[in-house]
Amino acid sequence: QVQLVESGGGLVQPGGSLRLSCAASGFTLDSYAVGWFRQAPGKGREGVSCVTSGDGRTYYADSVKGRFTISRDNAKNTVYLQMNSLKPEDTAVYYCAVWSGYVCYDDPATYDSWGQGTQVTVSS
């Protein structure tokens, strides 16, 4: 069974950093494109970042470019999202997701399997 578990969220002050983890079980994560999405209260699910399967290309929403970095650790079957210079508008539940393909899309409807999410709160 495909299973994804996010961790690493928490409360951080503006300008601070968090590192989110997306740990996979039941499959080899490197065989799939992996997307990070977030959902703030009252808003839809927004694409944040993605890494492809074959060549490891990375993509970022304009709102997080230069601040967030996505990476893979294949030995740990895990994808990370390093978040620096956090802003209050980054506050959301963050989800990782995969789909049966190797390219990235920012439409959440593309993705087949989702984690439960981890809360990130950026506040003074």
N, C-alpha and C. Protein backbone atom coordinates (compact mmCIF):
# COMPACT_ATOMS: atom_id res chain seq x y z
N GLN A 1 0.84 -1.18 0.00
CA GLN A 1 0.00 0.00 0.00
C GLN A 1 0.89 1.24 0.00
N VAL A 2 0.56 2.20 -0.85
CA VAL A 2 1.27 3.47 -0.89
C VAL A 2 0.88 4.29 0.33
N GLN A 3 1.88 4.76 1.06
CA GLN A 3 1.63 5.56 2.24
C GLN A 3 2.65 6.68 2.33
N LEU A 4 2.17 7.89 2.61
CA LEU A 4 3.01 9.06 2.79
C LEU A 4 2.71 9.68 4.14
N VAL A 5 3.75 10.07 4.86
CA VAL A 5 3.60 10.69 6.17
C VAL A 5 4.45 11.94 6.22
N GLU A 6 3.80 13.09 6.45
CA GLU A 6 4.51 14.35 6.60
C GLU A 6 4.86 14.58 8.06
N SER A 7 5.96 15.27 8.29
CA SER A 7 6.34 15.66 9.64
C SER A 7 7.21 16.91 9.55
N GLY A 8 7.44 17.54 10.70
CA GLY A 8 8.34 18.67 10.78
C GLY A 8 7.68 20.02 10.92
N GLY A 9 6.37 20.07 10.89
CA GLY A 9 5.68 21.33 11.06
C GLY A 9 5.74 21.82 12.49
N GLY A 10 5.29 23.04 12.69
CA GLY A 10 5.28 23.62 14.02
C GLY A 10 5.07 25.12 13.96
N LEU A 11 5.29 25.75 15.10
CA LEU A 11 5.16 27.19 15.24
C LEU A 11 6.53 27.84 15.12
N VAL A 12 6.63 28.85 14.27
CA VAL A 12 7.90 29.54 14.06
C VAL A 12 7.62 31.03 13.88
N GLN A 13 8.57 31.86 14.31
CA GLN A 13 8.43 33.30 14.13
C GLN A 13 8.75 33.70 12.70
N PRO A 14 8.19 34.82 12.24
CA PRO A 14 8.57 35.31 10.92
C PRO A 14 10.08 35.42 10.76
N GLY A 15 10.57 34.99 9.61
CA GLY A 15 12.00 34.95 9.35
C GLY A 15 12.67 33.65 9.75
N GLY A 16 11.96 32.79 10.44
CA GLY A 16 12.51 31.53 10.88
C GLY A 16 12.47 30.46 9.80
N SER A 17 12.87 29.25 10.18
CA SER A 17 12.99 28.14 9.25
C SER A 17 12.36 26.88 9.81
N LEU A 18 11.88 26.04 8.91
CA LEU A 18 11.41 24.70 9.23
C LEU A 18 11.81 23.76 8.11
N ARG A 19 11.98 22.51 8.44
CA ARG A 19 12.28 21.48 7.46
C ARG A 19 11.20 20.41 7.54
N LEU A 20 10.41 20.29 6.50
CA LEU A 20 9.36 19.29 6.43
C LEU A 20 9.89 18.02 5.77
N SER A 21 9.39 16.89 6.23
CA SER A 21 9.75 15.60 5.67
C SER A 21 8.52 14.89 5.14
N CYS A 22 8.69 14.18 4.05
CA CYS A 22 7.65 13.34 3.47
C CYS A 22 8.25 11.95 3.33
N ALA A 23 7.88 11.07 4.24
CA ALA A 23 8.42 9.71 4.26
C ALA A 23 7.44 8.75 3.60
N ALA A 24 7.96 7.92 2.71
CA ALA A 24 7.13 6.99 1.95
C ALA A 24 7.36 5.56 2.42
N SER A 25 6.32 4.76 2.33
CA SER A 25 6.42 3.33 2.56
C SER A 25 5.53 2.61 1.56
N GLY A 26 5.90 1.39 1.23
CA GLY A 26 5.14 0.60 0.29
C GLY A 26 5.51 0.82 -1.16
N PHE A 27 6.41 1.73 -1.43
CA PHE A 27 6.85 1.99 -2.79
C PHE A 27 8.16 2.76 -2.74
N THR A 28 8.83 2.82 -3.87
CA THR A 28 10.07 3.57 -3.99
C THR A 28 9.74 4.98 -4.45
N LEU A 29 9.98 5.94 -3.59
CA LEU A 29 9.55 7.31 -3.85
C LEU A 29 10.23 7.90 -5.07
N ASP A 30 11.44 7.46 -5.35
CA ASP A 30 12.19 8.00 -6.49
C ASP A 30 11.53 7.66 -7.83
N SER A 31 10.60 6.72 -7.85
CA SER A 31 9.90 6.36 -9.08
C SER A 31 8.76 7.31 -9.42
N TYR A 32 8.51 8.29 -8.56
CA TYR A 32 7.37 9.17 -8.72
C TYR A 32 7.79 10.62 -8.60
N ALA A 33 7.10 11.48 -9.33
CA ALA A 33 7.18 12.91 -9.03
C ALA A 33 6.51 13.15 -7.68
N VAL A 34 7.08 14.04 -6.89
CA VAL A 34 6.56 14.34 -5.56
C VAL A 34 6.29 15.82 -5.47
N GLY A 35 5.07 16.16 -5.09
CA GLY A 35 4.67 17.55 -4.94
C GLY A 35 4.40 17.89 -3.49
N TRP A 36 4.71 19.13 -3.14
CA TRP A 36 4.30 19.71 -1.87
C TRP A 36 3.19 20.72 -2.14
N PHE A 37 2.13 20.64 -1.38
CA PHE A 37 0.99 21.53 -1.47
C PHE A 37 0.69 22.10 -0.10
N ARG A 38 -0.04 23.19 -0.07
CA ARG A 38 -0.46 23.74 1.21
C ARG A 38 -1.87 24.27 1.10
N GLN A 39 -2.55 24.30 2.23
CA GLN A 39 -3.92 24.78 2.28
C GLN A 39 -4.10 25.62 3.54
N ALA A 40 -4.38 26.90 3.34
CA ALA A 40 -4.66 27.81 4.43
C ALA A 40 -6.16 27.79 4.73
N PRO A 41 -6.56 28.18 5.94
CA PRO A 41 -7.99 28.18 6.27
C PRO A 41 -8.81 28.99 5.27
N GLY A 42 -9.88 28.39 4.77
CA GLY A 42 -10.77 29.06 3.85
C GLY A 42 -10.28 29.16 2.42
N LYS A 43 -9.14 28.54 2.12
CA LYS A 43 -8.57 28.61 0.78
C LYS A 43 -8.40 27.22 0.19
N GLY A 44 -8.22 27.17 -1.11
CA GLY A 44 -7.98 25.93 -1.79
C GLY A 44 -6.56 25.44 -1.62
N ARG A 45 -6.33 24.22 -2.07
CA ARG A 45 -5.01 23.64 -1.98
C ARG A 45 -4.10 24.21 -3.08
N GLU A 46 -2.94 24.70 -2.67
CA GLU A 46 -2.02 25.44 -3.53
C GLU A 46 -0.73 24.65 -3.73
N GLY A 47 -0.29 24.54 -4.97
CA GLY A 47 0.99 23.93 -5.24
C GLY A 47 2.14 24.80 -4.75
N VAL A 48 3.09 24.20 -4.05
CA VAL A 48 4.23 24.90 -3.48
C VAL A 48 5.52 24.55 -4.20
N SER A 49 5.78 23.26 -4.35
CA SER A 49 7.01 22.79 -4.95
C SER A 49 6.83 21.38 -5.46
N CYS A 50 7.74 20.95 -6.33
CA CYS A 50 7.67 19.60 -6.88
C CYS A 50 9.05 19.19 -7.37
N VAL A 51 9.35 17.90 -7.30
CA VAL A 51 10.56 17.33 -7.86
C VAL A 51 10.18 16.16 -8.75
N THR A 52 10.76 16.09 -9.96
CA THR A 52 10.44 15.02 -10.89
C THR A 52 11.15 13.73 -10.51
N SER A 53 10.70 12.65 -11.15
CA SER A 53 11.26 11.33 -10.86
C SER A 53 12.55 11.07 -11.60
N GLY A 54 12.55 11.22 -12.90
CA GLY A 54 13.67 10.78 -13.71
C GLY A 54 14.92 11.62 -13.59
N ASP A 55 14.79 12.92 -13.76
CA ASP A 55 15.95 13.79 -13.83
C ASP A 55 16.08 14.74 -12.65
N GLY A 56 15.16 14.68 -11.70
CA GLY A 56 15.26 15.48 -10.49
C GLY A 56 15.07 16.97 -10.69
N ARG A 57 14.34 17.36 -11.73
CA ARG A 57 14.02 18.78 -11.91
C ARG A 57 13.14 19.26 -10.77
N THR A 58 13.33 20.49 -10.38
CA THR A 58 12.56 21.07 -9.28
C THR A 58 11.79 22.29 -9.75
N TYR A 59 10.66 22.51 -9.10
CA TYR A 59 9.77 23.61 -9.45
C TYR A 59 9.27 24.25 -8.16
N TYR A 60 9.02 25.55 -8.23
CA TYR A 60 8.57 26.30 -7.07
C TYR A 60 7.52 27.31 -7.47
N ALA A 61 6.54 27.49 -6.61
CA ALA A 61 5.62 28.59 -6.78
C ALA A 61 6.37 29.92 -6.64
N ASP A 62 5.93 30.92 -7.37
CA ASP A 62 6.59 32.22 -7.31
C ASP A 62 6.67 32.75 -5.88
N SER A 63 5.67 32.45 -5.08
CA SER A 63 5.61 32.98 -3.73
C SER A 63 6.68 32.42 -2.81
N VAL A 64 7.31 31.30 -3.18
CA VAL A 64 8.31 30.67 -2.32
C VAL A 64 9.69 30.58 -2.95
N LYS A 65 9.84 30.99 -4.19
CA LYS A 65 11.15 30.92 -4.86
C LYS A 65 12.20 31.70 -4.08
N GLY A 66 13.35 31.08 -3.93
CA GLY A 66 14.44 31.69 -3.19
C GLY A 66 14.37 31.47 -1.70
N ARG A 67 13.26 30.94 -1.21
CA ARG A 67 13.10 30.70 0.22
C ARG A 67 12.96 29.21 0.55
N PHE A 68 12.32 28.44 -0.33
CA PHE A 68 12.07 27.02 -0.09
C PHE A 68 12.95 26.19 -1.03
N THR A 69 13.35 25.01 -0.56
CA THR A 69 14.13 24.08 -1.36
C THR A 69 13.59 22.67 -1.18
N ILE A 70 13.30 22.00 -2.28
CA ILE A 70 12.85 20.61 -2.24
C ILE A 70 14.03 19.71 -2.57
N SER A 71 14.11 18.56 -1.91
CA SER A 71 15.20 17.63 -2.15
C SER A 71 14.76 16.20 -1.85
N ARG A 72 15.53 15.25 -2.39
CA ARG A 72 15.28 13.83 -2.16
C ARG A 72 16.44 13.21 -1.39
N ASP A 73 16.12 12.28 -0.51
CA ASP A 73 17.09 11.38 0.07
C ASP A 73 16.60 9.97 -0.26
N ASN A 74 17.10 9.41 -1.34
CA ASN A 74 16.58 8.13 -1.81
C ASN A 74 16.88 7.00 -0.84
N ALA A 75 18.00 7.08 -0.14
CA ALA A 75 18.35 6.04 0.83
C ALA A 75 17.32 5.98 1.95
N LYS A 76 16.72 7.11 2.29
CA LYS A 76 15.70 7.17 3.33
C LYS A 76 14.29 7.15 2.77
N ASN A 77 14.16 7.09 1.44
CA ASN A 77 12.86 7.09 0.79
C ASN A 77 12.01 8.27 1.25
N THR A 78 12.66 9.43 1.27
CA THR A 78 12.06 10.64 1.84
C THR A 78 12.33 11.84 0.95
N VAL A 79 11.36 12.73 0.89
CA VAL A 79 11.51 14.03 0.24
C VAL A 79 11.36 15.11 1.30
N TYR A 80 12.19 16.13 1.20
CA TYR A 80 12.20 17.21 2.18
C TYR A 80 11.77 18.52 1.53
N LEU A 81 11.25 19.40 2.36
CA LEU A 81 11.01 20.78 1.97
C LEU A 81 11.63 21.68 3.03
N GLN A 82 12.77 22.27 2.69
CA GLN A 82 13.42 23.23 3.58
C GLN A 82 12.79 24.58 3.35
N MET A 83 12.27 25.18 4.40
CA MET A 83 11.57 26.45 4.32
C MET A 83 12.32 27.47 5.16
N ASN A 84 12.84 28.49 4.50
CA ASN A 84 13.57 29.56 5.15
C ASN A 84 12.84 30.88 4.97
N SER A 85 13.22 31.85 5.77
CA SER A 85 12.64 33.20 5.69
C SER A 85 11.12 33.14 5.69
N LEU A 86 10.57 32.39 6.61
CA LEU A 86 9.13 32.17 6.62
C LEU A 86 8.36 33.44 6.91
N LYS A 87 7.21 33.53 6.28
CA LYS A 87 6.32 34.68 6.39
C LYS A 87 4.98 34.23 6.95
N PRO A 88 4.23 35.14 7.58
CA PRO A 88 2.91 34.75 8.09
C PRO A 88 2.01 34.15 7.01
N GLU A 89 2.13 34.59 5.77
CA GLU A 89 1.31 34.05 4.70
C GLU A 89 1.69 32.63 4.30
N ASP A 90 2.78 32.10 4.85
CA ASP A 90 3.12 30.69 4.65
C ASP A 90 2.35 29.77 5.58
N THR A 91 1.61 30.34 6.52
CA THR A 91 0.84 29.53 7.47
C THR A 91 -0.20 28.70 6.73
N ALA A 92 -0.15 27.39 6.94
CA ALA A 92 -1.04 26.47 6.24
C ALA A 92 -0.76 25.06 6.73
N VAL A 93 -1.63 24.14 6.34
CA VAL A 93 -1.32 22.72 6.45
C VAL A 93 -0.60 22.32 5.17
N TYR A 94 0.55 21.69 5.32
CA TYR A 94 1.38 21.28 4.19
C TYR A 94 1.23 19.79 3.95
N TYR A 95 1.02 19.43 2.69
CA TYR A 95 0.82 18.05 2.28
C TYR A 95 1.86 17.67 1.23
N CYS A 96 2.31 16.42 1.26
CA CYS A 96 3.04 15.88 0.13
C CYS A 96 2.15 14.89 -0.61
N ALA A 97 2.43 14.71 -1.89
CA ALA A 97 1.59 13.87 -2.72
C ALA A 97 2.41 13.31 -3.88
N VAL A 98 1.98 12.18 -4.40
CA VAL A 98 2.59 11.57 -5.58
C VAL A 98 1.50 11.19 -6.57
N TRP A 99 1.91 10.98 -7.81
CA TRP A 99 1.02 10.44 -8.83
C TRP A 99 1.80 9.46 -9.69
N SER A 100 1.08 8.71 -10.51
CA SER A 100 1.68 7.64 -11.31
C SER A 100 2.34 8.21 -12.56
N GLY A 101 3.37 8.98 -12.34
CA GLY A 101 4.10 9.60 -13.42
C GLY A 101 5.39 10.20 -12.90
N TYR A 102 6.15 10.79 -13.79
CA TYR A 102 7.47 11.28 -13.42
C TYR A 102 7.65 12.78 -13.64
N VAL A 103 6.63 13.45 -14.12
CA VAL A 103 6.71 14.89 -14.32
C VAL A 103 5.86 15.60 -13.28
N CYS A 104 6.08 16.90 -13.15
CA CYS A 104 5.41 17.70 -12.13
C CYS A 104 4.25 18.50 -12.70
N TYR A 105 3.19 18.59 -11.94
CA TYR A 105 2.06 19.45 -12.21
C TYR A 105 1.67 20.15 -10.92
N ASP A 106 1.14 21.36 -11.04
CA ASP A 106 0.74 22.09 -9.85
C ASP A 106 -0.75 21.94 -9.54
N ASP A 107 -1.45 21.13 -10.33
CA ASP A 107 -2.86 20.86 -10.08
C ASP A 107 -2.97 19.69 -9.11
N PRO A 108 -3.53 19.90 -7.92
CA PRO A 108 -3.62 18.79 -6.98
C PRO A 108 -4.42 17.61 -7.48
N ALA A 109 -5.32 17.82 -8.44
CA ALA A 109 -6.12 16.73 -8.98
C ALA A 109 -5.28 15.70 -9.71
N THR A 110 -4.07 16.05 -10.09
CA THR A 110 -3.18 15.13 -10.78
C THR A 110 -2.71 14.00 -9.88
N TYR A 111 -2.63 14.24 -8.60
CA TYR A 111 -1.92 13.37 -7.68
C TYR A 111 -2.80 12.27 -7.11
N ASP A 112 -2.21 11.09 -6.99
CA ASP A 112 -2.95 9.89 -6.62
C ASP A 112 -3.01 9.65 -5.12
N SER A 113 -1.91 9.91 -4.43
CA SER A 113 -1.79 9.56 -3.02
C SER A 113 -1.31 10.77 -2.23
N TRP A 114 -1.90 10.95 -1.07
CA TRP A 114 -1.63 12.11 -0.23
C TRP A 114 -1.33 11.70 1.20
N GLY A 115 -0.46 12.48 1.85
CA GLY A 115 -0.27 12.33 3.27
C GLY A 115 -1.36 13.04 4.04
N GLN A 116 -1.28 12.95 5.36
CA GLN A 116 -2.29 13.55 6.23
C GLN A 116 -2.06 15.04 6.47
N GLY A 117 -0.87 15.52 6.21
CA GLY A 117 -0.55 16.92 6.36
C GLY A 117 0.13 17.24 7.68
N THR A 118 0.88 18.34 7.68
CA THR A 118 1.52 18.84 8.88
C THR A 118 1.33 20.34 8.95
N GLN A 119 0.97 20.84 10.14
CA GLN A 119 0.63 22.25 10.32
C GLN A 119 1.89 23.09 10.44
N VAL A 120 1.94 24.17 9.67
CA VAL A 120 2.98 25.18 9.78
C VAL A 120 2.32 26.49 10.15
N THR A 121 2.74 27.08 11.26
CA THR A 121 2.20 28.35 11.70
C THR A 121 3.34 29.34 11.87
N VAL A 122 3.26 30.46 11.16
CA VAL A 122 4.28 31.50 11.22
C VAL A 122 3.65 32.71 11.88
N SER A 123 4.08 32.99 13.09
CA SER A 123 3.45 34.06 13.86
C SER A 123 4.40 34.54 14.94
N SER A 124 4.25 35.82 15.32
CA SER A 124 4.98 36.37 16.44
C SER A 124 4.30 36.05 17.76
